[in-house]
Amino acid sequence: MSTDQPRPGPGEPPENDPFQKPQEPPAGGAPRNSAPRENGSPRNNAPHSGDSGGSGTGGEGGAPPPPEGAPPGGTSPSWGAPPPGGTPPPGAGGPYAGGPSGGGPYAGDPYGGQYGVADPLAGMPPLANRGRRLVARIIDAIIVGVPVWLIMTAIVGGVDFFSTDGEMAGRQSTISGVTLLVYLIYEGLMLSSRGQTVGKMAMKIRVAMLADGSIPHGQPGWVRAAVYSLPEIVPCCGFIFWLINVLWCTWDKPYQQCLHDKAAKTVVVSTETGPRPGSA
């Protein structure tokens, strides 16, 4: 019985060829030459004494292949190496990350619960002073209410708002309804087009979307105007809701929103340039 080892097949280098490159394992971790030969003899994957980089002991002392999924020539970050770019700053992944000026409520969900940063107002213009908001409403009420009252009085006749007479009550309801409708149209158009009414322009404040600070074009502007004006049509209860609505901004934190602001997801900010009061 012959003890000669089978010769390499056609096109294969000799087993001990000193010029053969070491067989590197593929990325999956399985040895490249682990499949048996056609004649049944397994391939020898250990480095040989004549191979470059071998230890001369038939494969002893060779470095083990990297674990599966390891990047070639390096160490996976999950094995202890720091991730690219270093450690992220605190709060970088919060719901307000990525906004202008290094964060702020102009990114992410404005009603996400936790603010994720020390100052939820960072990155947004200064909030409007409540006194200016009140004066702006008074200016708008005069601009709309006085002309409408004069026109409607000329149409339906004089009105005594302290009278309980049925006819006078009808005139009062007519004038009040028309005034509210005109005010709704006035405010909806102004907010949707430029984020300001005439009163807000005079007070140098404007309405902005809480999410990104943009003008409340379309639906948000009309929703804000409707929630402010329409409930007053309901007798008695409408006035109570209106009063709670306009006073809500006095205790709301941190955005000083009235209920109509919350419905439209808007805030009232100052148009004057300069840092926000109290900010570093």
C-alpha atoms as a PDB file:
ATOM      1  CA  MET A   1       0.000   0.000   0.000  1.00  0.00           C
ATOM      2  CA  SER A   2       1.507   3.361  -1.043  1.00  0.00           C
ATOM      3  CA  THR A   3       2.146   6.012   1.613  1.00  0.00           C
ATOM      4  CA  ASP A   4       2.578   8.857  -0.871  1.00  0.00           C
ATOM      5  CA  GLN A   5       0.374  11.838  -0.262  1.00  0.00           C
ATOM      6  CA  PRO A   6      -1.874  12.796  -3.170  1.00  0.00           C
ATOM      7  CA  ARG A   7      -0.501  15.482  -5.348  1.00  0.00           C
ATOM      8  CA  PRO A   8      -2.217  18.845  -5.620  1.00  0.00           C
ATOM      9  CA  GLY A   9      -4.896  19.025  -8.214  1.00  0.00           C
ATOM     10  CA  PRO A  10      -4.510  20.965 -11.439  1.00  0.00           C
ATOM     11  CA  GLY A  11      -4.099  24.686 -10.880  1.00  0.00           C
ATOM     12  CA  GLU A  12      -3.499  24.365  -7.097  1.00  0.00           C
ATOM     13  CA  PRO A  13      -0.182  25.478  -5.561  1.00  0.00           C
ATOM     14  CA  PRO A  14       1.923  22.877  -3.755  1.00  0.00           C
ATOM     15  CA  GLU A  15       1.202  22.323  -0.057  1.00  0.00           C
ATOM     16  CA  ASN A  16       4.566  23.716   1.023  1.00  0.00           C
ATOM     17  CA  ASP A  17       4.899  26.400  -1.620  1.00  0.00           C
ATOM     18  CA  PRO A  18       6.942  29.193   0.080  1.00  0.00           C
ATOM     19  CA  PHE A  19       5.330  31.799  -2.219  1.00  0.00           C
ATOM     20  CA  GLN A  20       1.766  30.906  -1.346  1.00  0.00           C
ATOM     21  CA  LYS A  21      -0.072  33.743   0.440  1.00  0.00           C
ATOM     22  CA  PRO A  22      -1.484  32.892   3.873  1.00  0.00           C
ATOM     23  CA  GLN A  23      -5.171  32.096   3.607  1.00  0.00           C
ATOM     24  CA  GLU A  24      -7.094  34.766   5.536  1.00  0.00           C
ATOM     25  CA  PRO A  25     -10.472  33.861   6.960  1.00  0.00           C
ATOM     26  CA  PRO A  26     -13.458  35.634   5.319  1.00  0.00           C
ATOM     27  CA  ALA A  27     -15.493  38.301   7.123  1.00  0.00           C
ATOM     28  CA  GLY A  28     -17.985  35.685   8.297  1.00  0.00           C
ATOM     29  CA  GLY A  29     -15.280  34.005  10.390  1.00  0.00           C
ATOM     30  CA  ALA A  30     -15.282  30.627   8.601  1.00  0.00           C
ATOM     31  CA  PRO A  31     -11.824  29.527   7.282  1.00  0.00           C
ATOM     32  CA  ARG A  32     -11.571  29.983   3.556  1.00  0.00           C
ATOM     33  CA  ASN A  33     -10.032  26.551   2.846  1.00  0.00           C
ATOM     34  CA  SER A  34     -12.030  24.493   5.324  1.00  0.00           C
ATOM     35  CA  ALA A  35     -13.885  22.620   2.561  1.00  0.00           C
ATOM     36  CA  PRO A  36     -12.423  19.191   1.753  1.00  0.00           C
ATOM     37  CA  ARG A  37     -10.667  18.578  -1.499  1.00  0.00           C
ATOM     38  CA  GLU A  38     -12.181  16.598  -4.238  1.00  0.00           C
ATOM     39  CA  ASN A  39     -10.014  13.580  -3.306  1.00  0.00           C
ATOM     40  CA  GLY A  40     -11.195  13.648   0.334  1.00  0.00           C
ATOM     41  CA  SER A  41      -8.043  15.122   1.880  1.00  0.00           C
ATOM     42  CA  PRO A  42      -8.747  18.203   4.047  1.00  0.00           C
ATOM     43  CA  ARG A  43      -6.925  21.378   3.347  1.00  0.00           C
ATOM     44  CA  ASN A  44      -4.214  22.498   5.756  1.00  0.00           C
ATOM     45  CA  ASN A  45      -5.195  25.964   7.019  1.00  0.00           C
ATOM     46  CA  ALA A  46      -2.437  26.380   9.576  1.00  0.00           C
ATOM     47  CA  PRO A  47       0.546  28.574   8.611  1.00  0.00           C
ATOM     48  CA  HIS A  48       3.634  26.572   7.565  1.00  0.00           C
ATOM     49  CA  SER A  49       7.225  27.015   8.473  1.00  0.00           C
ATOM     50  CA  GLY A  50       7.981  28.517   5.101  1.00  0.00           C
ATOM     51  CA  ASP A  51       5.013  30.841   4.991  1.00  0.00           C
ATOM     52  CA  SER A  52       5.463  34.508   5.638  1.00  0.00           C
ATOM     53  CA  GLY A  53       4.195  35.313   9.124  1.00  0.00           C
ATOM     54  CA  GLY A  54       4.146  31.662  10.273  1.00  0.00           C
ATOM     55  CA  SER A  55       5.543  30.581  13.622  1.00  0.00           C
ATOM     56  CA  GLY A  56       7.355  27.532  12.295  1.00  0.00           C
ATOM     57  CA  THR A  57       5.470  25.143  14.596  1.00  0.00           C
ATOM     58  CA  GLY A  58       2.764  23.994  12.203  1.00  0.00           C
ATOM     59  CA  GLY A  59       0.215  26.622  13.169  1.00  0.00           C
ATOM     60  CA  GLU A  60       0.844  26.923  16.928  1.00  0.00           C
ATOM     61  CA  GLY A  61       0.888  30.450  18.288  1.00  0.00           C
ATOM     62  CA  GLY A  62      -1.081  31.888  15.351  1.00  0.00           C
ATOM     63  CA  ALA A  63      -3.536  34.715  16.103  1.00  0.00           C
ATOM     64  CA  PRO A  64      -7.147  33.564  16.269  1.00  0.00           C
ATOM     65  CA  PRO A  65      -9.500  34.951  13.667  1.00  0.00           C
ATOM     66  CA  PRO A  66     -11.555  37.993  14.723  1.00  0.00           C
ATOM     67  CA  PRO A  67     -15.091  37.316  15.930  1.00  0.00           C
ATOM     68  CA  GLU A  68     -17.892  37.373  13.423  1.00  0.00           C
ATOM     69  CA  GLY A  69     -18.930  40.894  12.382  1.00  0.00           C
ATOM     70  CA  ALA A  70     -15.660  42.537  13.417  1.00  0.00           C
ATOM     71  CA  PRO A  71     -14.478  45.303  11.027  1.00  0.00           C
ATOM     72  CA  PRO A  72     -11.258  44.296   9.252  1.00  0.00           C
ATOM     73  CA  GLY A  73      -8.100  45.825  10.697  1.00  0.00           C
ATOM     74  CA  GLY A  74      -9.837  47.348  13.722  1.00  0.00           C
ATOM     75  CA  THR A  75     -11.889  46.731  16.796  1.00  0.00           C
ATOM     76  CA  SER A  76     -15.636  46.956  16.990  1.00  0.00           C
ATOM     77  CA  PRO A  77     -16.866  49.855  19.153  1.00  0.00           C
ATOM     78  CA  SER A  78     -18.910  47.356  21.146  1.00  0.00           C
ATOM     79  CA  TRP A  79     -15.699  45.721  22.371  1.00  0.00           C
ATOM     80  CA  GLY A  80     -14.472  48.754  24.254  1.00  0.00           C
ATOM     81  CA  ALA A  81     -13.217  51.193  21.647  1.00  0.00           C
ATOM     82  CA  PRO A  82     -14.830  54.665  21.821  1.00  0.00           C
ATOM     83  CA  PRO A  83     -17.418  55.402  19.117  1.00  0.00           C
ATOM     84  CA  PRO A  84     -16.468  57.733  16.273  1.00  0.00           C
ATOM     85  CA  GLY A  85     -16.566  61.385  17.224  1.00  0.00           C
ATOM     86  CA  GLY A  86     -16.127  60.864  20.951  1.00  0.00           C
ATOM     87  CA  THR A  87     -18.738  60.934  23.686  1.00  0.00           C
ATOM     88  CA  PRO A  88     -21.920  62.867  22.755  1.00  0.00           C
ATOM     89  CA  PRO A  89     -22.669  65.910  24.908  1.00  0.00           C
ATOM     90  CA  PRO A  90     -25.316  65.582  27.612  1.00  0.00           C
ATOM     91  CA  GLY A  91     -28.848  66.063  26.281  1.00  0.00           C
ATOM     92  CA  ALA A  92     -27.765  65.632  22.639  1.00  0.00           C
ATOM     93  CA  GLY A  93     -30.459  63.060  22.023  1.00  0.00           C
ATOM     94  CA  GLY A  94     -33.304  64.782  23.817  1.00  0.00           C
ATOM     95  CA  PRO A  95     -36.540  65.858  22.157  1.00  0.00           C
ATOM     96  CA  TYR A  96     -35.223  69.376  21.662  1.00  0.00           C
ATOM     97  CA  ALA A  97     -31.884  68.439  20.110  1.00  0.00           C
ATOM     98  CA  GLY A  98     -31.045  69.818  16.698  1.00  0.00           C
ATOM     99  CA  GLY A  99     -32.915  73.081  16.976  1.00  0.00           C
ATOM    100  CA  PRO A 100     -31.396  76.464  16.186  1.00  0.00           C
ATOM    101  CA  SER A 101     -28.832  77.889  18.578  1.00  0.00           C
ATOM    102  CA  GLY A 102     -27.866  74.435  19.782  1.00  0.00           C
ATOM    103  CA  GLY A 103     -31.318  73.103  20.655  1.00  0.00           C
ATOM    104  CA  GLY A 104     -34.589  74.432  21.917  1.00  0.00           C
ATOM    105  CA  PRO A 105     -38.257  73.745  21.429  1.00  0.00           C
ATOM    106  CA  TYR A 106     -38.133  74.380  17.679  1.00  0.00           C
ATOM    107  CA  ALA A 107     -37.369  70.712  17.041  1.00  0.00           C
ATOM    108  CA  GLY A 108     -39.176  67.530  17.980  1.00  0.00           C
ATOM    109  CA  ASP A 109     -42.488  67.153  19.720  1.00  0.00           C
ATOM    110  CA  PRO A 110     -43.367  70.389  21.565  1.00  0.00           C
ATOM    111  CA  TYR A 111     -45.565  68.444  23.973  1.00  0.00           C
ATOM    112  CA  GLY A 112     -43.267  65.476  24.490  1.00  0.00           C
ATOM    113  CA  GLY A 113     -43.283  65.668  28.282  1.00  0.00           C
ATOM    114  CA  GLN A 114     -39.709  65.905  29.498  1.00  0.00           C
ATOM    115  CA  TYR A 115     -37.819  68.817  28.011  1.00  0.00           C
ATOM    116  CA  GLY A 116     -34.480  67.048  27.704  1.00  0.00           C
ATOM    117  CA  VAL A 117     -32.468  70.225  28.327  1.00  0.00           C
ATOM    118  CA  ALA A 118     -32.053  72.534  31.285  1.00  0.00           C
ATOM    119  CA  ASP A 119     -33.794  75.432  29.543  1.00  0.00           C
ATOM    120  CA  PRO A 120     -36.809  74.467  27.368  1.00  0.00           C
ATOM    121  CA  LEU A 121     -36.827  77.990  25.891  1.00  0.00           C
ATOM    122  CA  ALA A 122     -33.295  77.704  24.505  1.00  0.00           C
ATOM    123  CA  GLY A 123     -33.117  78.373  20.790  1.00  0.00           C
ATOM    124  CA  MET A 124     -36.336  80.382  20.471  1.00  0.00           C
ATOM    125  CA  PRO A 125     -37.059  84.136  20.440  1.00  0.00           C
ATOM    126  CA  PRO A 126     -37.999  85.813  23.729  1.00  0.00           C
ATOM    127  CA  LEU A 127     -41.588  85.228  24.790  1.00  0.00           C
ATOM    128  CA  ALA A 128     -43.837  88.255  24.470  1.00  0.00           C
ATOM    129  CA  ASN A 129     -44.620  90.261  27.573  1.00  0.00           C
ATOM    130  CA  ARG A 130     -48.132  89.548  28.869  1.00  0.00           C
ATOM    131  CA  GLY A 131     -48.843  93.268  29.166  1.00  0.00           C
ATOM    132  CA  ARG A 132     -48.034  93.784  25.494  1.00  0.00           C
ATOM    133  CA  ARG A 133     -50.314  90.908  24.562  1.00  0.00           C
ATOM    134  CA  LEU A 134     -53.169  92.538  26.475  1.00  0.00           C
ATOM    135  CA  VAL A 135     -52.613  95.935  24.875  1.00  0.00           C
ATOM    136  CA  ALA A 136     -52.472  94.285  21.426  1.00  0.00           C
ATOM    137  CA  ARG A 137     -55.889  92.694  22.058  1.00  0.00           C
ATOM    138  CA  ILE A 138     -57.353  96.019  23.127  1.00  0.00           C
ATOM    139  CA  ILE A 139     -56.045  97.698  19.968  1.00  0.00           C
ATOM    140  CA  ASP A 140     -57.533  94.954  17.777  1.00  0.00           C
ATOM    141  CA  ALA A 141     -60.873  95.116  19.608  1.00  0.00           C
ATOM    142  CA  ILE A 142     -61.066  98.849  18.967  1.00  0.00           C
ATOM    143  CA  ILE A 143     -60.056  98.478  15.310  1.00  0.00           C
ATOM    144  CA  VAL A 144     -62.764  95.867  14.690  1.00  0.00           C
ATOM    145  CA  GLY A 145     -65.420  96.683  17.270  1.00  0.00           C
ATOM    146  CA  VAL A 146     -65.894 100.416  16.756  1.00  0.00           C
ATOM    147  CA  PRO A 147     -66.510 100.374  12.970  1.00  0.00           C
ATOM    148  CA  VAL A 148     -68.764  97.303  13.225  1.00  0.00           C
ATOM    149  CA  TRP A 149     -70.767  98.821  16.075  1.00  0.00           C
ATOM    150  CA  LEU A 150     -71.273 102.067  14.162  1.00  0.00           C
ATOM    151  CA  ILE A 151     -72.342 100.272  10.978  1.00  0.00           C
ATOM    152  CA  MET A 152     -74.654  97.832  12.740  1.00  0.00           C
ATOM    153  CA  THR A 153     -76.209 100.600  14.851  1.00  0.00           C
ATOM    154  CA  ALA A 154     -77.041 102.455  11.678  1.00  0.00           C
ATOM    155  CA  ILE A 155     -78.632  99.293  10.261  1.00  0.00           C
ATOM    156  CA  VAL A 156     -80.596  97.879  13.225  1.00  0.00           C
ATOM    157  CA  GLY A 157     -80.987 101.063  15.257  1.00  0.00           C
ATOM    158  CA  GLY A 158     -79.715 102.122  18.656  1.00  0.00           C
ATOM    159  CA  VAL A 159     -78.918  99.453  21.250  1.00  0.00           C
ATOM    160  CA  ASP A 160     -79.146  99.646  25.016  1.00  0.00           C
ATOM    161  CA  PHE A 161     -76.919  96.863  26.359  1.00  0.00           C
ATOM    162  CA  PHE A 162     -78.376  97.264  29.861  1.00  0.00           C
ATOM    163  CA  SER A 163     -81.959  96.766  28.737  1.00  0.00           C
ATOM    164  CA  THR A 164     -83.751  93.422  29.204  1.00  0.00           C
ATOM    165  CA  ASP A 165     -86.365  94.182  26.577  1.00  0.00           C
ATOM    166  CA  GLY A 166     -86.828  91.403  24.035  1.00  0.00           C
ATOM    167  CA  GLU A 167     -86.278  93.638  21.043  1.00  0.00           C
ATOM    168  CA  MET A 168     -83.142  95.152  22.543  1.00  0.00           C
ATOM    169  CA  ALA A 169     -81.840  91.657  23.371  1.00  0.00           C
ATOM    170  CA  GLY A 170     -82.267  90.709  19.721  1.00  0.00           C
ATOM    171  CA  ARG A 171     -80.323  93.754  18.578  1.00  0.00           C
ATOM    172  CA  GLN A 172     -77.594  93.028  21.118  1.00  0.00           C
ATOM    173  CA  SER A 173     -77.218  89.451  19.861  1.00  0.00           C
ATOM    174  CA  THR A 174     -77.106  90.593  16.258  1.00  0.00           C
ATOM    175  CA  ILE A 175     -74.420  93.197  16.831  1.00  0.00           C
ATOM    176  CA  SER A 176     -72.369  90.868  19.069  1.00  0.00           C
ATOM    177  CA  GLY A 177     -72.587  88.008  16.554  1.00  0.00           C
ATOM    178  CA  VAL A 178     -71.526  90.161  13.630  1.00  0.00           C
ATOM    179  CA  THR A 179     -68.678  91.656  15.646  1.00  0.00           C
ATOM    180  CA  LEU A 180     -67.359  88.205  16.623  1.00  0.00           C
ATOM    181  CA  LEU A 181     -67.616  86.991  13.033  1.00  0.00           C
ATOM    182  CA  VAL A 182     -65.738  90.006  11.679  1.00  0.00           C
ATOM    183  CA  TYR A 183     -63.096  89.647  14.393  1.00  0.00           C
ATOM    184  CA  LEU A 184     -62.680  85.937  13.559  1.00  0.00           C
ATOM    185  CA  ILE A 185     -62.150  86.706   9.871  1.00  0.00           C
ATOM    186  CA  TYR A 186     -59.820  89.606  10.668  1.00  0.00           C
ATOM    187  CA  GLU A 187     -57.607  87.627  13.034  1.00  0.00           C
ATOM    188  CA  GLY A 188     -57.624  84.440  10.949  1.00  0.00           C
ATOM    189  CA  LEU A 189     -56.526  86.259   7.809  1.00  0.00           C
ATOM    190  CA  MET A 190     -53.856  88.303   9.591  1.00  0.00           C
ATOM    191  CA  LEU A 191     -52.343  85.390  11.502  1.00  0.00           C
ATOM    192  CA  SER A 192     -52.358  83.069   8.488  1.00  0.00           C
ATOM    193  CA  SER A 193     -50.669  85.625   6.262  1.00  0.00           C
ATOM    194  CA  ARG A 194     -48.064  87.213   8.558  1.00  0.00           C
ATOM    195  CA  GLY A 195     -48.517  85.943  12.120  1.00  0.00           C
ATOM    196  CA  GLN A 196     -49.515  89.413  13.360  1.00  0.00           C
ATOM    197  CA  THR A 197     -52.606  91.531  13.733  1.00  0.00           C
ATOM    198  CA  VAL A 198     -52.401  95.313  13.694  1.00  0.00           C
ATOM    199  CA  GLY A 199     -52.310  95.357  17.496  1.00  0.00           C
ATOM    200  CA  LYS A 200     -49.476  92.822  17.589  1.00  0.00           C
ATOM    201  CA  MET A 201     -47.531  94.808  15.018  1.00  0.00           C
ATOM    202  CA  ALA A 202     -47.903  97.913  17.158  1.00  0.00           C
ATOM    203  CA  MET A 203     -46.672  95.990  20.239  1.00  0.00           C
ATOM    204  CA  LYS A 204     -43.824  94.307  18.296  1.00  0.00           C
ATOM    205  CA  ILE A 205     -44.955  90.770  19.003  1.00  0.00           C
ATOM    206  CA  ARG A 206     -46.072  87.935  16.745  1.00  0.00           C
ATOM    207  CA  VAL A 207     -47.580  84.450  16.791  1.00  0.00           C
ATOM    208  CA  ALA A 208     -45.208  81.583  15.927  1.00  0.00           C
ATOM    209  CA  MET A 209     -45.537  77.828  15.609  1.00  0.00           C
ATOM    210  CA  LEU A 210     -44.045  76.188  18.667  1.00  0.00           C
ATOM    211  CA  ALA A 211     -42.456  73.394  16.622  1.00  0.00           C
ATOM    212  CA  ASP A 212     -40.270  75.556  14.375  1.00  0.00           C
ATOM    213  CA  GLY A 213     -41.086  79.250  14.916  1.00  0.00           C
ATOM    214  CA  SER A 214     -42.761  79.674  11.532  1.00  0.00           C
ATOM    215  CA  ILE A 215     -45.860  81.730  10.718  1.00  0.00           C
ATOM    216  CA  PRO A 216     -49.074  79.780  11.477  1.00  0.00           C
ATOM    217  CA  HIS A 217     -50.165  79.555   7.849  1.00  0.00           C
ATOM    218  CA  GLY A 218     -53.498  77.955   7.089  1.00  0.00           C
ATOM    219  CA  GLN A 219     -55.221  75.806   9.698  1.00  0.00           C
ATOM    220  CA  PRO A 220     -53.197  76.763  12.830  1.00  0.00           C
ATOM    221  CA  GLY A 221     -53.950  80.461  12.342  1.00  0.00           C
ATOM    222  CA  TRP A 222     -57.662  79.839  11.862  1.00  0.00           C
ATOM    223  CA  VAL A 223     -57.858  77.377  14.771  1.00  0.00           C
ATOM    224  CA  ARG A 224     -56.266  79.928  17.067  1.00  0.00           C
ATOM    225  CA  ALA A 225     -58.690  82.645  15.965  1.00  0.00           C
ATOM    226  CA  ALA A 226     -61.726  80.334  16.223  1.00  0.00           C
ATOM    227  CA  VAL A 227     -60.943  79.078  19.747  1.00  0.00           C
ATOM    228  CA  TYR A 228     -60.575  82.685  20.882  1.00  0.00           C
ATOM    229  CA  SER A 229     -63.727  84.088  19.250  1.00  0.00           C
ATOM    230  CA  LEU A 230     -66.406  81.451  18.675  1.00  0.00           C
ATOM    231  CA  PRO A 231     -67.034  80.239  22.259  1.00  0.00           C
ATOM    232  CA  GLU A 232     -68.319  83.722  23.150  1.00  0.00           C
ATOM    233  CA  ILE A 233     -71.416  82.993  21.075  1.00  0.00           C
ATOM    234  CA  VAL A 234     -72.619  80.594  23.782  1.00  0.00           C
ATOM    235  CA  PRO A 235     -74.557  82.610  26.392  1.00  0.00           C
ATOM    236  CA  CYS A 236     -72.923  82.900  29.828  1.00  0.00           C
ATOM    237  CA  CYS A 237     -70.688  79.819  29.480  1.00  0.00           C
ATOM    238  CA  GLY A 238     -68.957  81.338  26.473  1.00  0.00           C
ATOM    239  CA  PHE A 239     -67.841  84.351  28.485  1.00  0.00           C
ATOM    240  CA  ILE A 240     -66.549  82.131  31.310  1.00  0.00           C
ATOM    241  CA  PHE A 241     -64.513  80.073  28.837  1.00  0.00           C
ATOM    242  CA  TRP A 242     -63.186  83.257  27.208  1.00  0.00           C
ATOM    243  CA  LEU A 243     -62.099  84.604  30.599  1.00  0.00           C
ATOM    244  CA  ILE A 244     -60.305  81.378  31.547  1.00  0.00           C
ATOM    245  CA  ASN A 245     -58.762  81.251  28.101  1.00  0.00           C
ATOM    246  CA  VAL A 246     -57.161  84.689  28.207  1.00  0.00           C
ATOM    247  CA  LEU A 247     -56.000  84.280  31.824  1.00  0.00           C
ATOM    248  CA  TRP A 248     -54.400  80.887  31.215  1.00  0.00           C
ATOM    249  CA  CYS A 249     -51.134  82.441  30.055  1.00  0.00           C
ATOM    250  CA  THR A 250     -50.598  84.014  33.491  1.00  0.00           C
ATOM    251  CA  TRP A 251     -49.803  80.643  35.083  1.00  0.00           C
ATOM    252  CA  ASP A 252     -48.886  78.442  32.110  1.00  0.00           C
ATOM    253  CA  LYS A 253     -45.267  77.247  32.095  1.00  0.00           C
ATOM    254  CA  PRO A 254     -42.907  77.378  30.342  1.00  0.00           C
ATOM    255  CA  TYR A 255     -44.446  78.878  27.179  1.00  0.00           C
ATOM    256  CA  GLN A 256     -47.096  81.218  28.669  1.00  0.00           C
ATOM    257  CA  GLN A 257     -49.776  79.865  26.329  1.00  0.00           C
ATOM    258  CA  CYS A 258     -53.468  80.641  26.407  1.00  0.00           C
ATOM    259  CA  LEU A 259     -55.888  77.849  25.556  1.00  0.00           C
ATOM    260  CA  HIS A 260     -56.150  79.037  21.965  1.00  0.00           C
ATOM    261  CA  ASP A 261     -52.336  78.784  21.766  1.00  0.00           C
ATOM    262  CA  LYS A 262     -52.445  75.206  23.012  1.00  0.00           C
ATOM    263  CA  ALA A 263     -55.154  74.311  20.495  1.00  0.00           C
ATOM    264  CA  ALA A 264     -53.063  75.669  17.611  1.00  0.00           C
ATOM    265  CA  LYS A 265     -49.658  74.733  19.149  1.00  0.00           C
ATOM    266  CA  THR A 266     -48.406  78.292  18.918  1.00  0.00           C
ATOM    267  CA  VAL A 267     -46.554  80.741  21.133  1.00  0.00           C
ATOM    268  CA  VAL A 268     -46.438  84.538  21.188  1.00  0.00           C
ATOM    269  CA  VAL A 269     -42.908  85.879  20.883  1.00  0.00           C
ATOM    270  CA  SER A 270     -41.268  89.258  20.664  1.00  0.00           C
ATOM    271  CA  THR A 271     -40.101  90.617  17.308  1.00  0.00           C
ATOM    272  CA  GLU A 272     -37.465  92.803  18.921  1.00  0.00           C
ATOM    273  CA  THR A 273     -33.907  91.641  18.380  1.00  0.00           C
ATOM    274  CA  GLY A 274     -31.608  90.853  21.247  1.00  0.00           C
ATOM    275  CA  PRO A 275     -31.064  88.063  23.767  1.00  0.00           C
ATOM    276  CA  ARG A 276     -33.927  86.646  25.758  1.00  0.00           C
ATOM    277  CA  PRO A 277     -34.156  88.249  29.206  1.00  0.00           C
ATOM    278  CA  GLY A 278     -32.489  86.078  31.815  1.00  0.00           C
ATOM    279  CA  SER A 279     -30.488  84.050  29.265  1.00  0.00           C
ATOM    280  CA  ALA A 280     -26.738  83.801  29.517  1.00  0.00           C
END
